[in-house]
Amino acid sequence: MKSVEERLFEIEERNQTVEFDKAWETSWTRRVVLLIITYAVVAMFLSRVHPENMWLDALVPCAGYLLSTLSLPPLKKYWIDKQLVNGDNEDLENDNV
């Protein structure tokens, strides 16, 4: 059986990993990398189907992605706050299935 110190160390280590994962999900580095990848994929697709203005047209999905990353965190916070106030954890349990 593990000692209390070992279990505490494992919990702190796991918490640090979770914090880094959360920080990565909201980081600008991740957003910029995804913007570049999205832009490259859309530009390649558009070059095949619609060659004129493809560089400009490829910005549309990138802008949509960026706007979604900026608008979803407040929506997520509102949803979580509402769930906590209502004491409704059913949605949370169903999302983890």
PDB file of N, CA and C in Angstrom:
ATOM      1  N   MET A   1       0.840  -1.181   0.000  1.00  0.00           N
ATOM      2  CA  MET A   1       0.000   0.000   0.000  1.00  0.00           C
ATOM      3  C   MET A   1       0.884   1.243   0.000  1.00  0.00           C
ATOM      4  N   LYS A   2       0.462   2.228  -0.796  1.00  0.00           N
ATOM      5  CA  LYS A   2       1.251   3.453  -0.934  1.00  0.00           C
ATOM      6  C   LYS A   2       1.086   4.335   0.296  1.00  0.00           C
ATOM      7  N   SER A   3       2.138   5.049   0.592  1.00  0.00           N
ATOM      8  CA  SER A   3       2.075   5.982   1.715  1.00  0.00           C
ATOM      9  C   SER A   3       1.293   7.229   1.304  1.00  0.00           C
ATOM     10  N   VAL A   4       0.907   8.002   2.280  1.00  0.00           N
ATOM     11  CA  VAL A   4       0.161   9.235   2.036  1.00  0.00           C
ATOM     12  C   VAL A   4       0.995  10.194   1.196  1.00  0.00           C
ATOM     13  N   GLU A   5       2.294  10.264   1.469  1.00  0.00           N
ATOM     14  CA  GLU A   5       3.171  11.165   0.702  1.00  0.00           C
ATOM     15  C   GLU A   5       3.234  10.759  -0.762  1.00  0.00           C
ATOM     16  N   GLU A   6       3.309   9.452  -1.024  1.00  0.00           N
ATOM     17  CA  GLU A   6       3.369   8.981  -2.414  1.00  0.00           C
ATOM     18  C   GLU A   6       2.072   9.298  -3.146  1.00  0.00           C
ATOM     19  N   ARG A   7       0.956   9.063  -2.479  1.00  0.00           N
ATOM     20  CA  ARG A   7      -0.337   9.357  -3.097  1.00  0.00           C
ATOM     21  C   ARG A   7      -0.500  10.848  -3.338  1.00  0.00           C
ATOM     22  N   LEU A   8      -0.083  11.660  -2.388  1.00  0.00           N
ATOM     23  CA  LEU A   8      -0.158  13.110  -2.545  1.00  0.00           C
ATOM     24  C   LEU A   8       0.720  13.584  -3.706  1.00  0.00           C
ATOM     25  N   PHE A   9       1.919  13.022  -3.813  1.00  0.00           N
ATOM     26  CA  PHE A   9       2.823  13.376  -4.914  1.00  0.00           C
ATOM     27  C   PHE A   9       2.190  13.023  -6.254  1.00  0.00           C
ATOM     28  N   GLU A  10       1.573  11.854  -6.356  1.00  0.00           N
ATOM     29  CA  GLU A  10       0.919  11.439  -7.601  1.00  0.00           C
ATOM     30  C   GLU A  10      -0.234  12.378  -7.963  1.00  0.00           C
ATOM     31  N   ILE A  11      -0.999  12.787  -6.955  1.00  0.00           N
ATOM     32  CA  ILE A  11      -2.113  13.705  -7.205  1.00  0.00           C
ATOM     33  C   ILE A  11      -1.601  15.060  -7.673  1.00  0.00           C
ATOM     34  N   GLU A  12      -0.558  15.570  -7.031  1.00  0.00           N
ATOM     35  CA  GLU A  12       0.011  16.854  -7.442  1.00  0.00           C
ATOM     36  C   GLU A  12       0.598  16.774  -8.845  1.00  0.00           C
ATOM     37  N   GLU A  13       1.228  15.655  -9.157  1.00  0.00           N
ATOM     38  CA  GLU A  13       1.795  15.462 -10.499  1.00  0.00           C
ATOM     39  C   GLU A  13       0.682  15.428 -11.547  1.00  0.00           C
ATOM     40  N   ARG A  14      -0.402  14.724 -11.254  1.00  0.00           N
ATOM     41  CA  ARG A  14      -1.537  14.657 -12.171  1.00  0.00           C
ATOM     42  C   ARG A  14      -2.174  16.041 -12.333  1.00  0.00           C
ATOM     43  N   ASN A  15      -2.323  16.768 -11.238  1.00  0.00           N
ATOM     44  CA  ASN A  15      -2.893  18.115 -11.313  1.00  0.00           C
ATOM     45  C   ASN A  15      -2.050  19.037 -12.182  1.00  0.00           C
ATOM     46  N   GLN A  16      -0.733  18.911 -12.070  1.00  0.00           N
ATOM     47  CA  GLN A  16       0.137  19.745 -12.900  1.00  0.00           C
ATOM     48  C   GLN A  16      -0.042  19.402 -14.376  1.00  0.00           C
ATOM     49  N   THR A  17      -0.168  18.113 -14.681  1.00  0.00           N
ATOM     50  CA  THR A  17      -0.390  17.699 -16.065  1.00  0.00           C
ATOM     51  C   THR A  17      -1.713  18.251 -16.581  1.00  0.00           C
ATOM     52  N   VAL A  18      -2.755  18.185 -15.766  1.00  0.00           N
ATOM     53  CA  VAL A  18      -4.062  18.720 -16.158  1.00  0.00           C
ATOM     54  C   VAL A  18      -3.977  20.222 -16.388  1.00  0.00           C
ATOM     55  N   GLU A  19      -3.254  20.934 -15.527  1.00  0.00           N
ATOM     56  CA  GLU A  19      -3.101  22.381 -15.694  1.00  0.00           C
ATOM     57  C   GLU A  19      -2.375  22.716 -16.996  1.00  0.00           C
ATOM     58  N   PHE A  20      -1.328  21.947 -17.329  1.00  0.00           N
ATOM     59  CA  PHE A  20      -0.617  22.183 -18.586  1.00  0.00           C
ATOM     60  C   PHE A  20      -1.508  21.879 -19.784  1.00  0.00           C
ATOM     61  N   ASP A  21      -2.296  20.803 -19.704  1.00  0.00           N
ATOM     62  CA  ASP A  21      -3.219  20.473 -20.787  1.00  0.00           C
ATOM     63  C   ASP A  21      -4.237  21.593 -20.989  1.00  0.00           C
ATOM     64  N   LYS A  22      -4.770  22.111 -19.896  1.00  0.00           N
ATOM     65  CA  LYS A  22      -5.749  23.197 -19.961  1.00  0.00           C
ATOM     66  C   LYS A  22      -5.102  24.461 -20.546  1.00  0.00           C
ATOM     67  N   ALA A  23      -3.870  24.746 -20.112  1.00  0.00           N
ATOM     68  CA  ALA A  23      -3.158  25.922 -20.626  1.00  0.00           C
ATOM     69  C   ALA A  23      -2.901  25.780 -22.124  1.00  0.00           C
ATOM     70  N   TRP A  24      -2.560  24.582 -22.570  1.00  0.00           N
ATOM     71  CA  TRP A  24      -2.316  24.343 -23.996  1.00  0.00           C
ATOM     72  C   TRP A  24      -3.599  24.573 -24.798  1.00  0.00           C
ATOM     73  N   GLU A  25      -4.729  24.093 -24.295  1.00  0.00           N
ATOM     74  CA  GLU A  25      -5.993  24.229 -25.007  1.00  0.00           C
ATOM     75  C   GLU A  25      -6.377  25.688 -25.235  1.00  0.00           C
ATOM     76  N   THR A  26      -5.964  26.575 -24.346  1.00  0.00           N
ATOM     77  CA  THR A  26      -6.337  27.979 -24.478  1.00  0.00           C
ATOM     78  C   THR A  26      -5.177  28.867 -24.941  1.00  0.00           C
ATOM     79  N   SER A  27      -4.049  28.264 -25.277  1.00  0.00           N
ATOM     80  CA  SER A  27      -2.868  29.055 -25.633  1.00  0.00           C
ATOM     81  C   SER A  27      -2.975  29.628 -27.045  1.00  0.00           C
ATOM     82  N   TRP A  28      -2.329  30.764 -27.228  1.00  0.00           N
ATOM     83  CA  TRP A  28      -2.264  31.380 -28.554  1.00  0.00           C
ATOM     84  C   TRP A  28      -1.370  30.577 -29.480  1.00  0.00           C
ATOM     85  N   THR A  29      -0.395  29.876 -28.946  1.00  0.00           N
ATOM     86  CA  THR A  29       0.467  29.030 -29.779  1.00  0.00           C
ATOM     87  C   THR A  29      -0.377  27.981 -30.484  1.00  0.00           C
ATOM     88  N   ARG A  30      -1.257  27.309 -29.736  1.00  0.00           N
ATOM     89  CA  ARG A  30      -2.133  26.288 -30.321  1.00  0.00           C
ATOM     90  C   ARG A  30      -3.048  26.915 -31.361  1.00  0.00           C
ATOM     91  N   ARG A  31      -3.622  28.067 -31.040  1.00  0.00           N
ATOM     92  CA  ARG A  31      -4.534  28.725 -31.981  1.00  0.00           C
ATOM     93  C   ARG A  31      -3.834  29.096 -33.280  1.00  0.00           C
ATOM     94  N   VAL A  32      -2.627  29.647 -33.171  1.00  0.00           N
ATOM     95  CA  VAL A  32      -1.889  30.063 -34.371  1.00  0.00           C
ATOM     96  C   VAL A  32      -1.506  28.848 -35.211  1.00  0.00           C
ATOM     97  N   VAL A  33      -1.048  27.779 -34.562  1.00  0.00           N
ATOM     98  CA  VAL A  33      -0.682  26.565 -35.304  1.00  0.00           C
ATOM     99  C   VAL A  33      -1.905  26.014 -36.037  1.00  0.00           C
ATOM    100  N   LEU A  34      -3.049  25.970 -35.365  1.00  0.00           N
ATOM    101  CA  LEU A  34      -4.258  25.486 -36.025  1.00  0.00           C
ATOM    102  C   LEU A  34      -4.714  26.414 -37.141  1.00  0.00           C
ATOM    103  N   LEU A  35      -4.525  27.721 -36.961  1.00  0.00           N
ATOM    104  CA  LEU A  35      -4.846  28.660 -38.040  1.00  0.00           C
ATOM    105  C   LEU A  35      -3.991  28.392 -39.268  1.00  0.00           C
ATOM    106  N   ILE A  36      -2.707  28.182 -39.062  1.00  0.00           N
ATOM    107  CA  ILE A  36      -1.786  27.929 -40.179  1.00  0.00           C
ATOM    108  C   ILE A  36      -2.151  26.635 -40.887  1.00  0.00           C
ATOM    109  N   ILE A  37      -2.416  25.593 -40.115  1.00  0.00           N
ATOM    110  CA  ILE A  37      -2.789  24.302 -40.720  1.00  0.00           C
ATOM    111  C   ILE A  37      -4.104  24.437 -41.482  1.00  0.00           C
ATOM    112  N   THR A  38      -5.088  25.089 -40.872  1.00  0.00           N
ATOM    113  CA  THR A  38      -6.380  25.280 -41.536  1.00  0.00           C
ATOM    114  C   THR A  38      -6.212  26.068 -42.825  1.00  0.00           C
ATOM    115  N   TYR A  39      -5.436  27.132 -42.752  1.00  0.00           N
ATOM    116  CA  TYR A  39      -5.211  27.978 -43.935  1.00  0.00           C
ATOM    117  C   TYR A  39      -4.556  27.172 -45.055  1.00  0.00           C
ATOM    118  N   ALA A  40      -3.534  26.390 -44.717  1.00  0.00           N
ATOM    119  CA  ALA A  40      -2.817  25.608 -45.733  1.00  0.00           C
ATOM    120  C   ALA A  40      -3.737  24.576 -46.383  1.00  0.00           C
ATOM    121  N   VAL A  41      -4.516  23.879 -45.587  1.00  0.00           N
ATOM    122  CA  VAL A  41      -5.413  22.853 -46.134  1.00  0.00           C
ATOM    123  C   VAL A  41      -6.481  23.486 -47.021  1.00  0.00           C
ATOM    124  N   VAL A  42      -7.094  24.571 -46.559  1.00  0.00           N
ATOM    125  CA  VAL A  42      -8.137  25.225 -47.351  1.00  0.00           C
ATOM    126  C   VAL A  42      -7.547  25.825 -48.626  1.00  0.00           C
ATOM    127  N   ALA A  43      -6.368  26.427 -48.532  1.00  0.00           N
ATOM    128  CA  ALA A  43      -5.733  27.004 -49.725  1.00  0.00           C
ATOM    129  C   ALA A  43      -5.428  25.920 -50.755  1.00  0.00           C
ATOM    130  N   MET A  44      -4.937  24.776 -50.307  1.00  0.00           N
ATOM    131  CA  MET A  44      -4.677  23.678 -51.254  1.00  0.00           C
ATOM    132  C   MET A  44      -5.960  23.201 -51.901  1.00  0.00           C
ATOM    133  N   PHE A  45      -7.025  23.058 -51.111  1.00  0.00           N
ATOM    134  CA  PHE A  45      -8.310  22.632 -51.658  1.00  0.00           C
ATOM    135  C   PHE A  45      -8.835  23.647 -52.663  1.00  0.00           C
ATOM    136  N   LEU A  46      -8.801  24.931 -52.283  1.00  0.00           N
ATOM    137  CA  LEU A  46      -9.324  25.967 -53.171  1.00  0.00           C
ATOM    138  C   LEU A  46      -8.495  26.107 -54.447  1.00  0.00           C
ATOM    139  N   SER A  47      -7.204  25.816 -54.364  1.00  0.00           N
ATOM    140  CA  SER A  47      -6.374  25.914 -55.572  1.00  0.00           C
ATOM    141  C   SER A  47      -6.805  24.895 -56.619  1.00  0.00           C
ATOM    142  N   ARG A  48      -7.430  23.833 -56.163  1.00  0.00           N
ATOM    143  CA  ARG A  48      -7.907  22.800 -57.093  1.00  0.00           C
ATOM    144  C   ARG A  48      -9.285  23.128 -57.662  1.00  0.00           C
ATOM    145  N   VAL A  49     -10.147  23.743 -56.846  1.00  0.00           N
ATOM    146  CA  VAL A  49     -11.532  23.934 -57.281  1.00  0.00           C
ATOM    147  C   VAL A  49     -11.870  25.370 -57.666  1.00  0.00           C
ATOM    148  N   HIS A  50     -11.107  26.313 -57.157  1.00  0.00           N
ATOM    149  CA  HIS A  50     -11.451  27.730 -57.376  1.00  0.00           C
ATOM    150  C   HIS A  50     -10.164  28.546 -57.308  1.00  0.00           C
ATOM    151  N   PRO A  51      -9.344  28.520 -58.371  1.00  0.00           N
ATOM    152  CA  PRO A  51      -8.009  29.114 -58.282  1.00  0.00           C
ATOM    153  C   PRO A  51      -7.949  30.625 -58.096  1.00  0.00           C
ATOM    154  N   GLU A  52      -8.908  31.399 -58.593  1.00  0.00           N
ATOM    155  CA  GLU A  52      -8.804  32.843 -58.413  1.00  0.00           C
ATOM    156  C   GLU A  52      -9.222  33.217 -56.990  1.00  0.00           C
ATOM    157  N   ASN A  53      -8.464  34.107 -56.393  1.00  0.00           N
ATOM    158  CA  ASN A  53      -8.670  34.582 -55.018  1.00  0.00           C
ATOM    159  C   ASN A  53      -8.584  33.498 -53.954  1.00  0.00           C
ATOM    160  N   MET A  54      -7.885  32.404 -54.247  1.00  0.00           N
ATOM    161  CA  MET A  54      -7.830  31.299 -53.287  1.00  0.00           C
ATOM    162  C   MET A  54      -7.157  31.712 -51.979  1.00  0.00           C
ATOM    163  N   TRP A  55      -6.148  32.581 -52.052  1.00  0.00           N
ATOM    164  CA  TRP A  55      -5.445  32.987 -50.830  1.00  0.00           C
ATOM    165  C   TRP A  55      -6.351  33.796 -49.918  1.00  0.00           C
ATOM    166  N   LEU A  56      -7.167  34.638 -50.519  1.00  0.00           N
ATOM    167  CA  LEU A  56      -8.115  35.428 -49.737  1.00  0.00           C
ATOM    168  C   LEU A  56      -9.266  34.559 -49.231  1.00  0.00           C
ATOM    169  N   ASP A  57      -9.784  33.698 -50.091  1.00  0.00           N
ATOM    170  CA  ASP A  57     -10.893  32.823 -49.696  1.00  0.00           C
ATOM    171  C   ASP A  57     -10.503  31.874 -48.572  1.00  0.00           C
ATOM    172  N   ALA A  58      -9.235  31.485 -48.515  1.00  0.00           N
ATOM    173  CA  ALA A  58      -8.783  30.558 -47.478  1.00  0.00           C
ATOM    174  C   ALA A  58      -8.803  31.201 -46.095  1.00  0.00           C
ATOM    175  N   LEU A  59      -8.873  32.518 -46.037  1.00  0.00           N
ATOM    176  CA  LEU A  59      -8.931  33.202 -44.744  1.00  0.00           C
ATOM    177  C   LEU A  59     -10.289  33.045 -44.048  1.00  0.00           C
ATOM    178  N   VAL A  60     -11.337  32.769 -44.807  1.00  0.00           N
ATOM    179  CA  VAL A  60     -12.685  32.703 -44.237  1.00  0.00           C
ATOM    180  C   VAL A  60     -12.797  31.617 -43.158  1.00  0.00           C
ATOM    181  N   PRO A  61     -12.432  30.356 -43.432  1.00  0.00           N
ATOM    182  CA  PRO A  61     -12.545  29.359 -42.363  1.00  0.00           C
ATOM    183  C   PRO A  61     -11.578  29.631 -41.212  1.00  0.00           C
ATOM    184  N   CYS A  62     -10.439  30.225 -41.517  1.00  0.00           N
ATOM    185  CA  CYS A  62      -9.481  30.563 -40.454  1.00  0.00           C
ATOM    186  C   CYS A  62     -10.082  31.604 -39.507  1.00  0.00           C
ATOM    187  N   ALA A  63     -10.730  32.598 -40.070  1.00  0.00           N
ATOM    188  CA  ALA A  63     -11.374  33.621 -39.244  1.00  0.00           C
ATOM    189  C   ALA A  63     -12.501  33.006 -38.419  1.00  0.00           C
ATOM    190  N   GLY A  64     -13.242  32.094 -39.021  1.00  0.00           N
ATOM    191  CA  GLY A  64     -14.302  31.407 -38.285  1.00  0.00           C
ATOM    192  C   GLY A  64     -13.750  30.607 -37.124  1.00  0.00           C
ATOM    193  N   TYR A  65     -12.653  29.924 -37.360  1.00  0.00           N
ATOM    194  CA  TYR A  65     -12.030  29.158 -36.282  1.00  0.00           C
ATOM    195  C   TYR A  65     -11.576  30.082 -35.164  1.00  0.00           C
ATOM    196  N   LEU A  66     -10.900  31.162 -35.519  1.00  0.00           N
ATOM    197  CA  LEU A  66     -10.393  32.093 -34.503  1.00  0.00           C
ATOM    198  C   LEU A  66     -11.548  32.681 -33.689  1.00  0.00           C
ATOM    199  N   LEU A  67     -12.612  33.087 -34.357  1.00  0.00           N
ATOM    200  CA  LEU A  67     -13.767  33.628 -33.641  1.00  0.00           C
ATOM    201  C   LEU A  67     -14.383  32.583 -32.707  1.00  0.00           C
ATOM    202  N   SER A  68     -14.401  31.329 -33.134  1.00  0.00           N
ATOM    203  CA  SER A  68     -14.980  30.294 -32.276  1.00  0.00           C
ATOM    204  C   SER A  68     -14.128  30.067 -31.032  1.00  0.00           C
ATOM    205  N   THR A  69     -12.798  30.154 -31.162  1.00  0.00           N
ATOM    206  CA  THR A  69     -11.948  29.954 -29.984  1.00  0.00           C
ATOM    207  C   THR A  69     -12.056  31.120 -29.027  1.00  0.00           C
ATOM    208  N   LEU A  70     -12.388  32.289 -29.544  1.00  0.00           N
ATOM    209  CA  LEU A  70     -12.519  33.457 -28.679  1.00  0.00           C
ATOM    210  C   LEU A  70     -13.896  33.543 -28.026  1.00  0.00           C
ATOM    211  N   SER A  71     -14.915  33.006 -28.679  1.00  0.00           N
ATOM    212  CA  SER A  71     -16.270  33.140 -28.154  1.00  0.00           C
ATOM    213  C   SER A  71     -16.706  31.947 -27.310  1.00  0.00           C
ATOM    214  N   LEU A  72     -16.142  30.775 -27.535  1.00  0.00           N
ATOM    215  CA  LEU A  72     -16.593  29.600 -26.804  1.00  0.00           C
ATOM    216  C   LEU A  72     -16.208  29.594 -25.322  1.00  0.00           C
ATOM    217  N   PRO A  73     -15.029  30.073 -24.917  1.00  0.00           N
ATOM    218  CA  PRO A  73     -14.730  30.061 -23.479  1.00  0.00           C
ATOM    219  C   PRO A  73     -15.755  30.810 -22.618  1.00  0.00           C
ATOM    220  N   PRO A  74     -16.227  32.014 -23.008  1.00  0.00           N
ATOM    221  CA  PRO A  74     -17.276  32.649 -22.195  1.00  0.00           C
ATOM    222  C   PRO A  74     -18.571  31.829 -22.173  1.00  0.00           C
ATOM    223  N   LEU A  75     -18.915  31.221 -23.311  1.00  0.00           N
ATOM    224  CA  LEU A  75     -20.110  30.382 -23.361  1.00  0.00           C
ATOM    225  C   LEU A  75     -19.946  29.165 -22.453  1.00  0.00           C
ATOM    226  N   LYS A  76     -18.765  28.562 -22.461  1.00  0.00           N
ATOM    227  CA  LYS A  76     -18.485  27.418 -21.598  1.00  0.00           C
ATOM    228  C   LYS A  76     -18.611  27.818 -20.123  1.00  0.00           C
ATOM    229  N   LYS A  77     -18.060  28.968 -19.762  1.00  0.00           N
ATOM    230  CA  LYS A  77     -18.134  29.445 -18.376  1.00  0.00           C
ATOM    231  C   LYS A  77     -19.583  29.653 -17.970  1.00  0.00           C
ATOM    232  N   TYR A  78     -20.373  30.283 -18.840  1.00  0.00           N
ATOM    233  CA  TYR A  78     -21.790  30.505 -18.562  1.00  0.00           C
ATOM    234  C   TYR A  78     -22.504  29.171 -18.346  1.00  0.00           C
ATOM    235  N   TRP A  79     -22.246  28.195 -19.209  1.00  0.00           N
ATOM    236  CA  TRP A  79     -22.894  26.886 -19.115  1.00  0.00           C
ATOM    237  C   TRP A  79     -22.527  26.190 -17.811  1.00  0.00           C
ATOM    238  N   ILE A  80     -21.235  26.220 -17.445  1.00  0.00           N
ATOM    239  CA  ILE A  80     -20.790  25.587 -16.200  1.00  0.00           C
ATOM    240  C   ILE A  80     -21.423  26.277 -15.002  1.00  0.00           C
ATOM    241  N   ASP A  81     -21.414  27.613 -15.002  1.00  0.00           N
ATOM    242  CA  ASP A  81     -22.026  28.350 -13.898  1.00  0.00           C
ATOM    243  C   ASP A  81     -23.507  27.997 -13.763  1.00  0.00           C
ATOM    244  N   LYS A  82     -24.198  27.899 -14.888  1.00  0.00           N
ATOM    245  CA  LYS A  82     -25.618  27.552 -14.870  1.00  0.00           C
ATOM    246  C   LYS A  82     -25.814  26.147 -14.313  1.00  0.00           C
ATOM    247  N   GLN A  83     -24.969  25.214 -14.701  1.00  0.00           N
ATOM    248  CA  GLN A  83     -25.073  23.846 -14.196  1.00  0.00           C
ATOM    249  C   GLN A  83     -24.849  23.803 -12.689  1.00  0.00           C
ATOM    250  N   LEU A  84     -23.885  24.594 -12.201  1.00  0.00           N
ATOM    251  CA  LEU A  84     -23.597  24.614 -10.764  1.00  0.00           C
ATOM    252  C   LEU A  84     -24.737  25.233  -9.970  1.00  0.00           C
ATOM    253  N   VAL A  85     -25.337  26.309 -10.494  1.00  0.00           N
ATOM    254  CA  VAL A  85     -26.436  26.983  -9.802  1.00  0.00           C
ATOM    255  C   VAL A  85     -27.658  26.069  -9.745  1.00  0.00           C
ATOM    256  N   ASN A  86     -27.947  25.398 -10.858  1.00  0.00           N
ATOM    257  CA  ASN A  86     -29.124  24.530 -10.920  1.00  0.00           C
ATOM    258  C   ASN A  86     -28.894  23.184 -10.244  1.00  0.00           C
ATOM    259  N   GLY A  87     -27.636  22.865  -9.956  1.00  0.00           N
ATOM    260  CA  GLY A  87     -27.333  21.560  -9.381  1.00  0.00           C
ATOM    261  C   GLY A  87     -27.602  20.432 -10.350  1.00  0.00           C
ATOM    262  N   ASP A  88     -27.565  20.745 -11.632  1.00  0.00           N
ATOM    263  CA  ASP A  88     -27.877  19.779 -12.677  1.00  0.00           C
ATOM    264  C   ASP A  88     -26.597  19.187 -13.220  1.00  0.00           C
ATOM    265  N   ASN A  89     -26.233  18.013 -12.755  1.00  0.00           N
ATOM    266  CA  ASN A  89     -25.014  17.352 -13.226  1.00  0.00           C
ATOM    267  C   ASN A  89     -25.317  16.270 -14.247  1.00  0.00           C
ATOM    268  N   GLU A  90     -26.591  16.120 -14.626  1.00  0.00           N
ATOM    269  CA  GLU A  90     -26.976  15.078 -15.579  1.00  0.00           C
ATOM    270  C   GLU A  90     -26.277  15.288 -16.921  1.00  0.00           C
ATOM    271  N   ASP A  91     -26.239  16.545 -17.399  1.00  0.00           N
ATOM    272  CA  ASP A  91     -25.563  16.833 -18.663  1.00  0.00           C
ATOM    273  C   ASP A  91     -24.082  16.515 -18.574  1.00  0.00           C
ATOM    274  N   LEU A  92     -23.478  16.832 -17.437  1.00  0.00           N
ATOM    275  CA  LEU A  92     -22.053  16.551 -17.260  1.00  0.00           C
ATOM    276  C   LEU A  92     -21.790  15.060 -17.307  1.00  0.00           C
ATOM    277  N   GLU A  93     -22.662  14.270 -16.669  1.00  0.00           N
ATOM    278  CA  GLU A  93     -22.478  12.820 -16.646  1.00  0.00           C
ATOM    279  C   GLU A  93     -22.687  12.244 -18.041  1.00  0.00           C
ATOM    280  N   ASN A  94     -23.666  12.762 -18.799  1.00  0.00           N
ATOM    281  CA  ASN A  94     -23.938  12.257 -20.148  1.00  0.00           C
ATOM    282  C   ASN A  94     -22.816  12.614 -21.105  1.00  0.00           C
ATOM    283  N   ASP A  95     -22.156  13.765 -20.911  1.00  0.00           N
ATOM    284  CA  ASP A  95     -21.064  14.159 -21.786  1.00  0.00           C
ATOM    285  C   ASP A  95     -19.847  13.263 -21.624  1.00  0.00           C
ATOM    286  N   ASN A  96     -19.711  12.634 -20.474  1.00  0.00           N
ATOM    287  CA  ASN A  96     -18.535  11.799 -20.214  1.00  0.00           C
ATOM    288  C   ASN A  96     -18.733  10.357 -20.634  1.00  0.00           C
ATOM    289  N   VAL A  97     -19.889  10.013 -21.217  1.00  0.00           N
ATOM    290  CA  VAL A  97     -20.164   8.628 -21.608  1.00  0.00           C
ATOM    291  C   VAL A  97     -19.416   8.285 -22.855  1.00  0.00           C
TER     292      VAL A  97
END
